[in-house]
Amino acid sequence: MAQAIATEEERIGEQLRRDGTVIRTFDLWKTYTMGDQQIHAVSGVSIQIQKGEYVAIMGPSGSGKSTLMNLIGCLDTPTAGQYYIAGRLVSNMNDDELAHIRNKEIGFVFQTFNLLPRLTALQNVELPLVYAGLTPQARTRRAQEAMKEVDLLPRMYHKPNELSGGQRQRVAIARALAGDPSILLADEPTGNLDSATGVEIMAVFDDLHRQGNTIILVTHEADIATHAHRVIHVRDGKVEKDEKIK
């Protein structure tokens, strides 16, 4: 029986890889127990995202979009359901394999930048490459390439406090790109920026998508979501609407 299940999972994974599917969830749930209550933050979500897509996951505060992002990013584990990333079933992975997924398959961009203040912009971008085991020369070369992609090479030796908010977010995007991930996962990337700088940062994401990157953007702002080509609307832990807009 176990062998039959494993074979079915492998068959699904192979089919997803052939189809170019990088994200596939089947009836995904995340339930929290609070006292005698159960809170269903994600309630039976089934979504499919193809390589090269630009998708926004949109919803108000408390809709479950951040929980869904944490599940997609392998930062949390589902209570029930199945999640395949790059054709691999996440629930079958051990801690080392999950760490590899977070370091290699997914590049994270957070609202709060998460830069180390004592390091230069270049050193911040190099950081995930240290964990990936690259040589110092290879790290520097790849980090510089990533900074060039976000048009920030002239500022690479500046520390975060010497950069504007938009420049700090560009550094964070370059850090996410440095490991050459198959998916760029951005959580409210303009949330700490003024509107003009937010427009600049979204232009960076637009350029990255044109270059072939798969981008998943989590936001509660409709004008930010319009940069994507598809919007998945989440409410009360469920997919309310899934629409292509471009």
Protein backbone atom coordinates (compact mmCIF):
# COMPACT_ATOMS: atom_id res chain seq x y z
CA MET A 1 0.00 0.00 0.00
CA ALA A 2 2.77 2.45 0.96
CA GLN A 3 4.55 1.67 -2.29
CA ALA A 4 1.36 2.37 -4.25
CA ILE A 5 0.96 5.77 -2.54
CA ALA A 6 4.60 6.65 -3.23
CA THR A 7 4.18 5.68 -6.87
CA GLU A 8 1.07 7.87 -7.20
CA GLU A 9 2.90 10.83 -5.63
CA GLU A 10 5.81 10.33 -8.02
CA ARG A 11 3.42 10.13 -10.97
CA ILE A 12 1.76 13.41 -9.97
CA GLY A 13 5.14 15.06 -9.42
CA GLU A 14 6.41 13.97 -12.83
CA GLN A 15 3.24 15.20 -14.53
CA LEU A 16 3.53 18.59 -12.82
CA ARG A 17 7.16 18.92 -13.93
CA ARG A 18 6.19 18.08 -17.53
CA ASP A 19 3.42 20.67 -17.42
CA GLY A 20 5.77 23.37 -16.12
CA THR A 21 3.86 23.64 -12.83
CA VAL A 22 6.02 25.07 -10.03
CA ILE A 23 3.31 25.34 -7.35
CA ARG A 24 0.39 22.95 -6.89
CA THR A 25 -1.76 22.61 -3.80
CA PHE A 26 -4.54 20.10 -3.30
CA ASP A 27 -7.17 20.92 -0.64
CA LEU A 28 -4.64 22.71 1.59
CA TRP A 29 -5.62 23.50 5.19
CA LYS A 30 -3.98 25.31 8.08
CA THR A 31 -5.87 25.12 11.36
CA TYR A 32 -4.89 26.67 14.68
CA THR A 33 -6.35 25.58 18.00
CA MET A 34 -7.02 28.48 20.38
CA GLY A 35 -8.54 27.25 23.61
CA ASP A 36 -11.61 25.27 22.65
CA GLN A 37 -11.85 26.96 19.24
CA GLN A 38 -10.36 25.94 15.92
CA ILE A 39 -9.36 28.74 13.56
CA HIS A 40 -9.13 27.75 9.90
CA ALA A 41 -6.63 30.24 8.51
CA VAL A 42 -6.45 28.36 5.18
CA SER A 43 -9.49 26.29 4.25
CA GLY A 44 -9.18 23.81 1.41
CA VAL A 45 -7.13 25.88 -1.03
CA SER A 46 -6.28 24.27 -4.38
CA ILE A 47 -4.16 26.42 -6.70
CA GLN A 48 -1.77 25.86 -9.59
CA ILE A 49 0.99 28.26 -10.68
CA GLN A 50 3.03 27.75 -13.82
CA LYS A 51 6.66 28.57 -14.45
CA GLY A 52 6.99 32.18 -15.62
CA GLU A 53 3.66 33.37 -14.22
CA TYR A 54 3.23 36.66 -12.36
CA VAL A 55 0.58 36.05 -9.71
CA ALA A 56 -0.78 38.28 -6.95
CA ILE A 57 -2.40 36.72 -3.89
CA MET A 58 -4.70 39.46 -2.64
CA GLY A 59 -6.98 39.83 0.34
CA PRO A 60 -7.74 42.00 3.38
CA SER A 61 -6.05 41.58 6.76
CA GLY A 62 -7.08 38.28 8.32
CA SER A 63 -8.04 36.73 4.98
CA GLY A 64 -5.41 34.00 5.20
CA LYS A 65 -3.13 35.29 2.44
CA SER A 66 -0.07 35.57 4.73
CA THR A 67 -0.65 32.07 6.09
CA LEU A 68 -0.94 30.78 2.53
CA MET A 69 2.31 32.56 1.67
CA ASN A 70 4.04 30.90 4.63
CA LEU A 71 2.84 27.51 3.41
CA ILE A 72 3.96 28.19 -0.16
CA GLY A 73 7.34 29.39 1.14
CA CYS A 74 7.77 26.25 3.30
CA LEU A 75 7.98 28.50 6.36
CA ASP A 76 5.03 26.62 7.88
CA THR A 77 3.48 23.18 7.43
CA PRO A 78 -0.14 22.52 6.44
CA THR A 79 -2.57 20.77 8.77
CA ALA A 80 -4.02 18.78 5.87
CA GLY A 81 -3.84 18.56 2.09
CA GLN A 82 -0.91 18.23 -0.29
CA TYR A 83 1.58 20.77 -1.59
CA TYR A 84 3.95 20.11 -4.49
CA ILE A 85 6.77 22.53 -5.30
CA ALA A 86 8.79 21.93 -8.47
CA GLY A 87 7.16 18.49 -8.69
CA ARG A 88 8.14 17.42 -5.17
CA LEU A 89 5.69 16.68 -2.36
CA VAL A 90 6.64 18.94 0.53
CA SER A 91 5.27 16.64 3.26
CA ASN A 92 7.80 13.97 2.21
CA MET A 93 10.79 16.28 2.72
CA ASN A 94 13.08 16.21 5.74
CA ASP A 95 14.43 19.35 7.43
CA ASP A 96 17.53 19.51 5.20
CA GLU A 97 15.44 19.18 2.04
CA LEU A 98 13.06 21.91 3.24
CA ALA A 99 16.03 24.18 4.00
CA HIS A 100 17.31 23.54 0.47
CA ILE A 101 13.90 24.51 -0.97
CA ARG A 102 13.88 27.75 1.06
CA ASN A 103 17.47 28.57 0.08
CA LYS A 104 17.44 27.49 -3.56
CA GLU A 105 13.94 27.21 -5.02
CA ILE A 106 12.41 30.31 -3.40
CA GLY A 107 13.75 33.84 -3.17
CA PHE A 108 12.00 35.80 -0.40
CA VAL A 109 11.35 39.54 -0.41
CA PHE A 110 9.84 40.90 2.81
CA GLN A 111 8.10 44.16 3.65
CA THR A 112 10.71 44.97 6.33
CA PHE A 113 13.77 44.35 4.07
CA ASN A 114 15.53 42.21 6.78
CA LEU A 115 19.00 43.56 5.97
CA LEU A 116 21.90 43.25 8.42
CA PRO A 117 22.91 46.84 9.31
CA ARG A 118 26.66 46.22 9.75
CA LEU A 119 27.09 44.62 6.33
CA THR A 120 27.37 46.45 3.03
CA ALA A 121 24.67 46.01 0.41
CA LEU A 122 26.92 43.58 -1.47
CA GLN A 123 27.62 41.53 1.69
CA ASN A 124 23.88 41.35 2.42
CA VAL A 125 23.26 40.00 -1.07
CA GLU A 126 26.09 37.48 -0.66
CA LEU A 127 24.72 36.12 2.61
CA PRO A 128 22.48 33.30 1.25
CA LEU A 129 25.33 32.25 -1.05
CA VAL A 130 27.53 31.63 2.01
CA TYR A 131 25.01 29.04 3.18
CA ALA A 132 24.89 27.61 -0.34
CA GLY A 133 28.61 26.84 -0.09
CA LEU A 134 29.88 29.03 -2.95
CA THR A 135 33.50 30.18 -2.96
CA PRO A 136 34.13 33.84 -2.01
CA GLN A 137 34.92 34.69 -5.64
CA ALA A 138 31.76 33.00 -6.92
CA ARG A 139 29.68 34.67 -4.21
CA THR A 140 30.91 38.13 -5.10
CA ARG A 141 30.43 37.56 -8.82
CA ARG A 142 26.89 36.27 -8.43
CA ALA A 143 25.96 39.02 -5.91
CA GLN A 144 27.22 41.70 -8.28
CA GLU A 145 25.18 40.16 -11.11
CA ALA A 146 22.07 40.27 -8.91
CA MET A 147 22.72 43.89 -7.94
CA LYS A 148 23.11 44.77 -11.60
CA GLU A 149 19.67 43.24 -12.26
CA VAL A 150 18.11 45.76 -9.84
CA ASP A 151 20.30 48.65 -11.06
CA LEU A 152 22.16 49.10 -7.77
CA LEU A 153 25.80 48.33 -8.56
CA PRO A 154 26.96 51.90 -7.79
CA ARG A 155 25.68 51.54 -4.19
CA MET A 156 26.99 48.05 -3.45
CA TYR A 157 29.53 49.18 -0.83
CA HIS A 158 27.03 51.29 1.12
CA LYS A 159 25.45 50.03 4.33
CA PRO A 160 21.65 49.93 4.73
CA ASN A 161 21.49 53.15 6.75
CA GLU A 162 23.20 54.93 3.84
CA LEU A 163 20.47 53.85 1.43
CA SER A 164 16.93 55.06 0.82
CA GLY A 165 13.96 52.81 1.50
CA GLY A 166 13.64 51.98 -2.18
CA GLN A 167 17.33 51.17 -2.43
CA ARG A 168 17.12 48.91 0.62
CA GLN A 169 14.25 47.03 -0.99
CA ARG A 170 16.30 46.69 -4.18
CA VAL A 171 19.07 45.13 -2.09
CA ALA A 172 16.52 42.72 -0.62
CA ILE A 173 15.33 41.82 -4.13
CA ALA A 174 18.93 41.28 -5.28
CA ARG A 175 19.51 39.01 -2.27
CA ALA A 176 16.43 37.00 -3.24
CA LEU A 177 17.70 36.71 -6.83
CA ALA A 178 21.28 35.78 -5.90
CA GLY A 179 20.54 32.08 -5.46
CA ASP A 180 18.85 31.93 -8.89
CA PRO A 181 15.52 30.71 -7.42
CA SER A 182 12.73 29.21 -9.49
CA ILE A 183 10.18 31.37 -7.60
CA LEU A 184 10.34 34.93 -6.28
CA LEU A 185 7.95 35.28 -3.32
CA ALA A 186 7.28 38.86 -2.24
CA ASP A 187 5.25 39.72 0.88
CA GLU A 188 3.85 43.28 0.75
CA PRO A 189 7.11 44.50 -0.89
CA THR A 190 5.94 48.13 -1.03
CA GLY A 191 4.32 48.20 2.42
CA ASN A 192 7.08 50.31 4.02
CA LEU A 193 7.59 52.62 1.05
CA ASP A 194 5.97 55.85 -0.10
CA SER A 195 3.80 55.59 -3.21
CA ALA A 196 6.39 56.98 -5.66
CA THR A 197 9.08 54.57 -4.42
CA GLY A 198 6.54 51.75 -4.50
CA VAL A 199 5.99 52.43 -8.19
CA GLU A 200 9.75 52.16 -8.77
CA ILE A 201 9.95 48.84 -6.92
CA MET A 202 7.00 47.41 -8.86
CA ALA A 203 8.79 48.42 -12.07
CA VAL A 204 11.69 46.24 -10.90
CA PHE A 205 9.33 43.27 -10.47
CA ASP A 206 7.82 43.96 -13.89
CA ASP A 207 11.30 43.85 -15.45
CA LEU A 208 12.18 40.65 -13.60
CA HIS A 209 9.00 39.00 -14.89
CA ARG A 210 9.81 40.05 -18.46
CA GLN A 211 13.17 38.30 -17.99
CA GLY A 212 11.32 35.05 -17.24
CA ASN A 213 11.12 34.99 -13.45
CA THR A 214 8.14 33.38 -11.71
CA ILE A 215 6.76 35.93 -9.25
CA ILE A 216 4.19 35.47 -6.49
CA LEU A 217 3.20 38.74 -4.88
CA VAL A 218 1.21 38.90 -1.63
CA THR A 219 -0.63 42.19 -1.13
CA HIS A 220 -3.78 43.84 0.19
CA GLU A 221 -3.46 46.77 -2.24
CA ALA A 222 -5.44 46.60 -5.47
CA ASP A 223 -3.11 48.94 -7.38
CA ILE A 224 -0.11 46.74 -6.52
CA ALA A 225 -1.98 43.60 -7.55
CA THR A 226 -2.66 45.07 -11.00
CA HIS A 227 1.03 44.67 -11.85
CA ALA A 228 0.50 40.90 -11.85
CA HIS A 229 -1.04 39.03 -14.78
CA ARG A 230 -3.29 36.94 -12.54
CA VAL A 231 -4.91 37.69 -9.18
CA ILE A 232 -5.98 35.06 -6.65
CA HIS A 233 -8.45 36.70 -4.25
CA VAL A 234 -8.46 35.15 -0.77
CA ARG A 235 -11.13 35.69 1.88
CA ASP A 236 -11.82 33.76 5.09
CA GLY A 237 -9.08 31.28 4.21
CA LYS A 238 -10.62 30.34 0.86
CA VAL A 239 -9.99 31.28 -2.76
CA GLU A 240 -12.86 33.65 -3.53
CA LYS A 241 -11.87 34.36 -7.12
CA ASP A 242 -8.98 33.46 -9.44
CA GLU A 243 -8.78 35.73 -12.47
CA LYS A 244 -6.38 36.54 -15.28
CA ILE A 245 -6.13 40.30 -15.73
CA LYS A 246 -3.55 40.53 -18.55
